[in-house]
Protein backbone atom coordinates (compact mmCIF):
# COMPACT_ATOMS: atom_id res chain seq x y z
CA MET A 1 9.07 -0.49 -13.89
CA THR A 2 10.72 -2.24 -10.97
CA SER A 3 9.07 -4.18 -8.16
CA TRP A 4 9.76 -1.55 -5.50
CA GLN A 5 8.20 1.17 -7.68
CA ILE A 6 5.06 -0.93 -8.16
CA VAL A 7 4.82 -1.56 -4.41
CA ARG A 8 5.03 2.15 -3.60
CA ILE A 9 2.51 3.10 -6.30
CA VAL A 10 0.02 0.47 -5.09
CA ALA A 11 0.54 1.51 -1.46
CA GLY A 12 -0.09 5.14 -2.35
CA LEU A 13 -3.25 4.25 -4.25
CA PHE A 14 -4.49 2.09 -1.36
CA ILE A 15 -3.89 4.91 1.12
CA LEU A 16 -5.67 7.51 -1.00
CA LEU A 17 -8.59 5.18 -1.72
CA SER A 18 -9.02 4.16 1.92
CA LEU A 19 -8.91 7.82 2.99
CA ALA A 20 -11.57 8.67 0.41
CA LEU A 21 -13.73 5.83 1.71
CA GLY A 22 -13.09 6.51 5.41
CA ILE A 23 -13.26 10.28 5.90
CA PRO A 24 -16.85 11.43 6.58
CA GLY A 25 -16.53 14.60 4.47
CA SER A 26 -15.58 12.65 1.34
CA PRO A 27 -18.16 12.14 -1.42
CA LEU A 28 -17.07 8.47 -1.55
CA PHE A 29 -17.49 7.94 2.22
CA MET A 30 -18.56 4.41 3.15
CA HIS A 31 -17.50 3.78 6.75
CA GLN A 32 -14.83 5.06 9.14
CA TRP A 33 -13.32 1.57 9.47
CA TRP A 34 -11.69 2.11 6.08
CA LEU A 35 -9.15 4.18 8.00
CA ALA A 36 -7.96 0.94 9.64
CA PHE A 37 -6.85 -0.18 6.17
CA THR A 38 -4.82 3.03 5.89
CA ALA A 39 -3.13 2.14 9.17
CA PHE A 40 -2.44 -1.41 7.95
CA VAL A 41 -0.73 -0.13 4.79
CA GLY A 42 1.30 2.35 6.83
CA ILE A 43 2.41 -0.32 9.29
CA ASN A 44 3.40 -2.61 6.41
CA LEU A 45 5.50 0.17 4.82
CA LEU A 46 7.10 0.90 8.19
CA GLN A 47 8.04 -2.74 8.86
CA SER A 48 9.38 -3.18 5.31
CA GLY A 49 11.61 -0.16 5.89
CA PHE A 50 13.18 -1.84 8.90
CA THR A 51 13.27 -5.45 7.72
CA ARG A 52 13.84 -4.77 3.99
CA TRP A 53 11.20 -7.42 3.19
CA CYS A 54 7.75 -6.95 1.68
CA LEU A 55 5.46 -9.82 0.70
CA MET A 56 4.01 -7.96 -2.28
CA GLU A 57 7.48 -7.22 -3.65
CA THR A 58 8.40 -10.92 -3.36
CA LEU A 59 5.24 -11.89 -5.22
CA LEU A 60 5.85 -9.30 -7.94
CA ARG A 61 9.36 -10.65 -8.50
CA LYS A 62 8.00 -14.18 -8.86
CA LEU A 63 5.49 -12.83 -11.40
CA GLY A 64 8.34 -11.40 -13.45
CA ALA A 65 8.78 -7.79 -12.30
CA ARG A 66 12.35 -6.54 -12.35
CA GLN A 67 14.06 -6.25 -8.99
CA GLY A 68 14.64 -2.69 -7.80
CA CYS A 69 17.99 -1.07 -7.08
């Protein structure tokens, strides 16, 4: 698995988890401020799309993950 695949999988998991924790109708609801984390992940994905740089991807490469295409 390449570094960009890992980043997208983790981002997707973070978004789904924060939605489960932030939406009042969810059985896992904790507090609505978890939706701010969803926004943070979305903003990070948006900026990495424009700048082609993501901190997590850089860290994964240094930890030995293969570079994506």
